[in-house]
Amino acid sequence: MKCSSSHKRSLRKHLLAAVAGITLPLLSVSALALTIGFSQIGSESGWRTSETESIKAEAQRRGIDLKFSDAQQKQENQIKALRSFIAQGVDGILLAPVVETGWDQVLKEANRAKIPVVLIDRGVDSDPSLYLTKVASDFKEEGALAASWLAARTNGKCDIAELQGTVGSSAAIDRKSGFDSVISNFPNMKIIRSQSGDFTRAGGKEVMESFLKAENGGKNICAVFAHNDDMALGAILAIKEAGLKPSKDIIIVSIDAVPDIFKAMADGETNATIELNPHLGGPAFDAINASKKGESVDKWIKANGPLYLPDTAAEEYQKRK
């Protein structure tokens, strides 16, 4: 059967409309898809692993092509990764910097390439114009909160052993600064030993062993302030091996709120932890999307968590394990 010219025109019109209805949504999805580079410090702690898994899961949920690089705690590896991301022409970069200094040149290269860089969970000592934003907790506030809790617990009288994080990292610098700013108000609170355990469980155990030997088998130590939970967990092992009871003979306060610290708290082996939120992918990806649309983005997107005590430890462990 022959079609009239008017019928052919009508059929062509309907076909074009149908094709448009199919292709436009596909173009829309494609336009939203981003390629993001993510330079992670490494996997030195349970918290760091949780952060990595959370960001990868959020990228998958959003359909983001995430280029992941594990720096194995070496800044030179992070700088190489960033330059690789720039060469690939990614839409944005997430950087969890191992230390604060030494980023100016590579950040300038990303800036020249018009690739927004979002700092994740740590800061850098660079001109803020070189990065889009920082998505992180206020580390000074965490340190201050730990000190305030300890001052209340000990009535402002305590000789403290401090397990510091990685030397030169913003987390270690700021947590110490915040802690010191509070205990300076208490004449009978002082840090008698302080050394880096590099944010690792093995490092925390090794350093705590040396503290115990140096301080009359630990009898001179009232409390441990650990810059993260993994070092606290290492310290717990050292304290137990020395024949002392962690949380009773020596009070322990730390930061991160990883599952294992809640288990230790429920078992009566530690006293308090402050949550460091690992779910930073959402706000980081939102910031990059906003910048692509020409919208303004705050230079610091804060993600602080609460302090947890033994009364909820068993419940929290079940939630997080």
Protein backbone atom coordinates (compact mmCIF):
# COMPACT_ATOMS: atom_id res chain seq x y z
CA MET A 1 0.00 0.00 0.00
CA LYS A 2 1.40 3.37 -0.99
CA CYS A 3 1.68 6.15 1.59
CA SER A 4 0.70 9.68 0.75
CA SER A 5 3.36 12.40 1.05
CA SER A 6 1.49 13.93 4.00
CA HIS A 7 1.44 10.54 5.75
CA LYS A 8 5.19 10.13 5.11
CA ARG A 9 5.84 13.57 6.62
CA SER A 10 3.74 12.65 9.65
CA LEU A 11 5.55 9.33 10.07
CA ARG A 12 8.97 11.03 9.78
CA LYS A 13 7.92 13.58 12.41
CA HIS A 14 6.87 10.83 14.85
CA LEU A 15 10.08 8.89 14.25
CA LEU A 16 12.22 11.98 14.91
CA ALA A 17 10.28 12.68 18.08
CA ALA A 18 10.79 9.10 19.24
CA VAL A 19 14.54 9.26 18.53
CA ALA A 20 14.81 12.57 20.36
CA GLY A 21 13.02 11.08 23.32
CA ILE A 22 15.59 8.26 23.45
CA THR A 23 18.80 10.21 22.86
CA LEU A 24 18.22 13.28 25.01
CA PRO A 25 18.12 11.40 28.31
CA LEU A 26 21.26 9.49 27.29
CA LEU A 27 23.04 12.76 26.56
CA SER A 28 21.86 14.09 29.88
CA VAL A 29 23.32 11.12 31.77
CA SER A 30 26.58 11.39 29.83
CA ALA A 31 26.85 15.10 30.63
CA LEU A 32 26.58 14.34 34.34
CA ALA A 33 29.19 11.57 34.35
CA LEU A 34 32.50 12.70 35.84
CA THR A 35 35.99 11.26 35.93
CA ILE A 36 37.61 11.98 39.28
CA GLY A 37 41.14 11.17 40.46
CA PHE A 38 41.54 10.15 44.10
CA SER A 39 44.99 10.15 45.72
CA GLN A 40 44.74 8.33 49.05
CA ILE A 41 47.52 8.33 51.66
CA GLY A 42 47.45 4.57 52.10
CA SER A 43 45.82 2.08 54.45
CA GLU A 44 47.69 2.73 57.69
CA SER A 45 44.59 2.46 59.86
CA GLY A 46 41.11 0.98 59.99
CA TRP A 47 39.67 4.47 59.65
CA ARG A 48 41.65 5.14 56.46
CA THR A 49 40.35 1.92 54.92
CA SER A 50 36.79 2.87 55.84
CA GLU A 51 37.24 6.27 54.20
CA THR A 52 38.53 4.70 50.98
CA GLU A 53 35.67 2.20 50.82
CA SER A 54 33.11 4.93 51.54
CA ILE A 55 34.39 7.22 48.78
CA LYS A 56 34.58 4.36 46.26
CA ALA A 57 31.00 3.33 47.11
CA GLU A 58 29.73 6.89 46.76
CA ALA A 59 31.47 7.26 43.39
CA GLN A 60 29.88 4.03 42.15
CA ARG A 61 26.47 5.16 43.39
CA ARG A 62 26.78 8.38 41.40
CA GLY A 63 28.17 6.77 38.24
CA ILE A 64 31.53 8.53 38.67
CA ASP A 65 34.61 7.01 37.03
CA LEU A 66 37.00 7.08 40.00
CA LYS A 67 40.72 6.79 39.26
CA PHE A 68 42.19 5.55 42.55
CA SER A 69 45.83 5.76 43.63
CA ASP A 70 47.26 4.41 46.90
CA ALA A 71 50.37 6.43 47.84
CA GLN A 72 51.58 3.98 50.50
CA GLN A 73 52.15 6.96 52.81
CA LYS A 74 54.67 8.65 50.49
CA GLN A 75 54.19 12.22 49.30
CA GLU A 76 56.24 11.64 46.16
CA ASN A 77 53.75 8.96 45.11
CA GLN A 78 50.87 11.39 45.63
CA ILE A 79 52.54 14.07 43.51
CA LYS A 80 53.11 11.53 40.71
CA ALA A 81 49.46 10.47 40.93
CA LEU A 82 48.22 14.06 40.72
CA ARG A 83 50.36 14.72 37.65
CA SER A 84 48.98 11.55 36.06
CA PHE A 85 45.41 12.70 36.77
CA ILE A 86 46.18 16.11 35.25
CA ALA A 87 47.64 14.46 32.12
CA GLN A 88 44.47 12.35 31.80
CA GLY A 89 42.32 15.49 31.93
CA VAL A 90 40.13 14.38 34.82
CA ASP A 91 37.17 16.54 35.89
CA GLY A 92 38.38 16.85 39.46
CA ILE A 93 40.85 15.52 42.00
CA LEU A 94 40.42 14.34 45.60
CA LEU A 95 43.62 14.58 47.63
CA ALA A 96 44.13 13.20 51.15
CA PRO A 97 47.56 14.78 51.76
CA VAL A 98 50.08 12.77 53.77
CA VAL A 99 51.76 15.96 55.05
CA GLU A 100 50.91 19.68 55.01
CA THR A 101 53.83 21.12 53.05
CA GLY A 102 55.29 20.65 49.56
CA TRP A 103 52.12 20.87 47.44
CA ASP A 104 52.39 24.30 45.82
CA GLN A 105 53.86 23.28 42.47
CA VAL A 106 51.54 20.38 41.67
CA LEU A 107 48.48 22.36 42.85
CA LYS A 108 49.50 25.18 40.50
CA GLU A 109 49.67 22.64 37.67
CA ALA A 110 46.13 21.46 38.43
CA ASN A 111 45.00 25.07 38.69
CA ARG A 112 46.43 25.90 35.27
CA ALA A 113 44.63 22.88 33.83
CA LYS A 114 41.40 24.18 35.42
CA ILE A 115 40.97 20.97 37.41
CA PRO A 116 39.41 21.57 40.84
CA VAL A 117 41.19 19.89 43.76
CA VAL A 118 39.30 18.94 46.92
CA LEU A 119 41.36 18.19 50.03
CA ILE A 120 39.98 15.20 51.93
CA ASP A 121 40.22 14.89 55.74
CA ARG A 122 43.50 16.84 55.97
CA GLY A 123 44.79 20.28 55.01
CA VAL A 124 47.82 21.72 53.23
CA ASP A 125 50.03 24.74 53.87
CA SER A 126 49.33 26.32 50.47
CA ASP A 127 47.49 29.36 49.13
CA PRO A 128 43.75 28.52 49.42
CA SER A 129 43.26 29.77 45.86
CA LEU A 130 45.12 26.66 44.64
CA TYR A 131 42.41 24.25 45.79
CA LEU A 132 38.63 24.29 45.65
CA THR A 133 37.80 23.31 49.23
CA LYS A 134 38.74 21.12 52.17
CA VAL A 135 36.24 18.50 53.37
CA ALA A 136 37.44 17.59 56.84
CA SER A 137 36.89 17.57 60.55
CA ASP A 138 38.26 20.39 62.71
CA PHE A 139 41.26 18.55 64.17
CA LYS A 140 41.94 21.27 66.75
CA GLU A 141 38.37 20.88 67.99
CA GLU A 142 38.90 17.11 68.29
CA GLY A 143 42.05 17.60 70.36
CA ALA A 144 40.33 20.19 72.54
CA LEU A 145 37.35 17.89 73.10
CA ALA A 146 39.64 15.02 74.14
CA ALA A 147 41.45 17.29 76.62
CA SER A 148 38.23 18.73 78.02
CA TRP A 149 36.83 15.25 78.64
CA LEU A 150 40.09 14.13 80.28
CA ALA A 151 40.23 17.24 82.49
CA ALA A 152 36.70 16.53 83.72
CA ARG A 153 37.46 12.84 84.26
CA THR A 154 40.64 13.53 86.31
CA ASN A 155 39.56 16.75 88.04
CA GLY A 156 42.33 18.57 86.20
CA LYS A 157 45.19 16.48 87.57
CA CYS A 158 46.92 14.04 85.20
CA ASP A 159 50.35 13.16 83.78
CA ILE A 160 49.73 12.28 80.14
CA ALA A 161 51.51 10.14 77.55
CA GLU A 162 50.75 11.33 74.02
CA LEU A 163 50.84 9.12 70.93
CA GLN A 164 51.17 11.54 68.03
CA GLY A 165 50.18 10.88 64.44
CA THR A 166 52.40 11.12 61.36
CA VAL A 167 54.97 13.89 61.79
CA GLY A 168 54.07 16.90 59.63
CA SER A 169 50.46 15.85 58.99
CA SER A 170 47.75 18.42 59.65
CA ALA A 171 45.87 15.88 61.80
CA ALA A 172 48.84 15.42 64.14
CA ILE A 173 49.72 19.12 64.27
CA ASP A 174 46.19 20.34 64.94
CA ARG A 175 45.10 17.60 67.35
CA LYS A 176 48.16 18.34 69.49
CA SER A 177 47.52 22.08 69.28
CA GLY A 178 43.88 21.70 70.32
CA PHE A 179 44.74 19.35 73.18
CA ASP A 180 47.55 21.59 74.46
CA SER A 181 45.33 24.69 74.33
CA VAL A 182 42.97 23.12 76.87
CA ILE A 183 45.40 21.46 79.27
CA SER A 184 47.38 24.73 79.48
CA ASN A 185 44.50 25.96 81.65
CA PHE A 186 45.15 23.20 84.21
CA PRO A 187 48.44 23.54 86.16
CA ASN A 188 48.28 19.90 87.27
CA MET A 189 47.82 18.47 83.78
CA LYS A 190 50.92 17.97 81.68
CA ILE A 191 52.29 15.81 78.87
CA ILE A 192 55.26 13.85 80.26
CA ARG A 193 55.93 11.74 77.15
CA SER A 194 55.13 12.46 73.50
CA GLN A 195 56.19 10.58 70.37
CA SER A 196 54.81 9.66 66.94
CA GLY A 197 53.33 6.22 66.41
CA ASP A 198 52.66 7.15 62.77
CA PHE A 199 48.90 6.46 63.10
CA THR A 200 49.53 2.68 63.10
CA ARG A 201 48.63 0.00 65.64
CA ALA A 202 52.17 -1.42 65.57
CA GLY A 203 53.61 2.07 66.04
CA GLY A 204 51.31 2.77 68.98
CA LYS A 205 52.32 -0.47 70.69
CA GLU A 206 56.04 0.11 70.17
CA VAL A 207 55.97 3.70 71.44
CA MET A 208 53.77 2.80 74.42
CA GLU A 209 56.19 0.04 75.40
CA SER A 210 59.01 2.59 75.53
CA PHE A 211 56.84 5.00 77.57
CA LEU A 212 56.02 2.28 80.11
CA LYS A 213 59.69 1.39 80.57
CA ALA A 214 60.68 5.05 80.95
CA GLU A 215 57.92 5.88 83.42
CA ASN A 216 58.41 3.41 86.27
CA GLY A 217 56.59 0.60 84.48
CA GLY A 218 53.73 2.94 83.69
CA LYS A 219 53.02 3.93 87.30
CA ASN A 220 53.77 7.59 86.52
CA ILE A 221 51.27 7.69 83.65
CA CYS A 222 47.72 8.79 84.44
CA ALA A 223 46.37 8.72 80.88
CA VAL A 224 47.14 8.17 77.20
CA PHE A 225 45.98 10.62 74.54
CA ALA A 226 46.27 8.84 71.17
CA HIS A 227 45.82 10.84 67.97
CA ASN A 228 43.93 7.90 66.51
CA ASP A 229 42.24 4.68 67.60
CA ASP A 230 44.72 2.32 65.97
CA MET A 231 47.57 3.69 68.08
CA ALA A 232 45.31 3.45 71.14
CA LEU A 233 44.63 -0.20 70.34
CA GLY A 234 48.37 -0.81 70.09
CA ALA A 235 48.86 0.96 73.43
CA ILE A 236 46.22 -1.27 75.03
CA LEU A 237 48.23 -4.36 74.05
CA ALA A 238 51.41 -2.85 75.52
CA ILE A 239 49.67 -1.89 78.76
CA LYS A 240 48.20 -5.38 79.18
CA GLU A 241 51.56 -7.02 78.48
CA ALA A 242 53.09 -4.80 81.18
CA GLY A 243 50.64 -6.30 83.69
CA LEU A 244 48.43 -3.20 83.96
CA LYS A 245 44.74 -2.75 83.26
CA PRO A 246 44.00 -0.36 80.37
CA SER A 247 41.17 2.09 81.13
CA LYS A 248 41.59 1.53 84.87
CA ASP A 249 45.29 1.84 85.71
CA ILE A 250 45.77 4.12 82.69
CA ILE A 251 42.90 6.12 81.17
CA ILE A 252 42.79 6.13 77.36
CA VAL A 253 41.15 8.67 75.02
CA SER A 254 41.57 8.57 71.25
CA ILE A 255 40.09 9.77 67.95
CA ASP A 256 38.42 8.05 64.94
CA ALA A 257 35.62 5.81 66.29
CA VAL A 258 36.58 2.69 64.32
CA PRO A 259 34.72 -0.55 65.11
CA ASP A 260 37.61 -2.14 67.05
CA ILE A 261 37.77 0.74 69.54
CA PHE A 262 34.10 0.21 70.41
CA LYS A 263 34.84 -3.48 70.99
CA ALA A 264 37.71 -2.51 73.29
CA MET A 265 35.48 -0.01 75.08
CA ALA A 266 32.70 -2.57 75.54
CA ASP A 267 35.34 -4.95 76.96
CA GLY A 268 36.38 -2.29 79.49
CA GLU A 269 39.81 -1.63 77.95
CA THR A 270 39.49 2.00 76.84
CA ASN A 271 37.51 5.01 77.95
CA ALA A 272 36.52 7.40 75.15
CA THR A 273 36.77 8.01 71.42
CA ILE A 274 35.86 10.97 69.22
CA GLU A 275 34.36 10.22 65.84
CA LEU A 276 36.19 11.23 62.68
CA ASN A 277 33.58 10.97 59.95
CA PRO A 278 34.90 8.81 57.05
CA HIS A 279 31.93 9.51 54.74
CA LEU A 280 33.45 12.46 52.88
CA GLY A 281 32.78 11.44 49.27
CA GLY A 282 29.30 12.96 49.08
CA PRO A 283 30.26 16.52 50.06
CA ALA A 284 33.48 16.31 48.02
CA PHE A 285 31.67 15.27 44.82
CA ASP A 286 28.95 17.86 45.49
CA ALA A 287 31.63 20.56 45.71
CA ILE A 288 33.13 19.57 42.35
CA ASN A 289 29.68 19.51 40.74
CA ALA A 290 28.93 22.96 42.16
CA SER A 291 32.20 24.37 40.83
CA LYS A 292 31.44 22.96 37.37
CA LYS A 293 28.17 24.91 37.45
CA GLY A 294 29.97 28.09 38.44
CA GLU A 295 28.54 28.07 41.97
CA SER A 296 30.54 29.27 44.98
CA VAL A 297 31.94 26.67 47.38
CA ASP A 298 33.03 27.23 50.99
CA LYS A 299 36.76 26.81 51.56
CA TRP A 300 36.17 24.44 54.44
CA ILE A 301 33.27 21.98 54.63
CA LYS A 302 33.38 20.69 58.22
CA ALA A 303 32.41 17.14 59.18
CA ASN A 304 32.94 16.80 62.94
CA GLY A 305 31.60 13.88 64.98
CA PRO A 306 30.69 13.35 68.66
CA LEU A 307 32.53 11.85 71.64
CA TYR A 308 31.52 8.29 72.56
CA LEU A 309 31.74 6.65 75.99
CA PRO A 310 31.39 3.03 77.21
CA ASP A 311 27.65 3.24 77.86
CA THR A 312 26.86 2.99 74.13
CA ALA A 313 29.98 1.08 73.02
CA ALA A 314 28.40 -2.37 72.57
CA GLU A 315 25.54 -0.93 70.52
CA GLU A 316 27.89 1.15 68.35
CA TYR A 317 30.13 -1.86 67.76
CA GLN A 318 27.20 -3.89 66.43
CA LYS A 319 26.31 -1.03 64.07
CA ARG A 320 29.82 -0.57 62.71
CA LYS A 321 31.55 -3.98 62.69
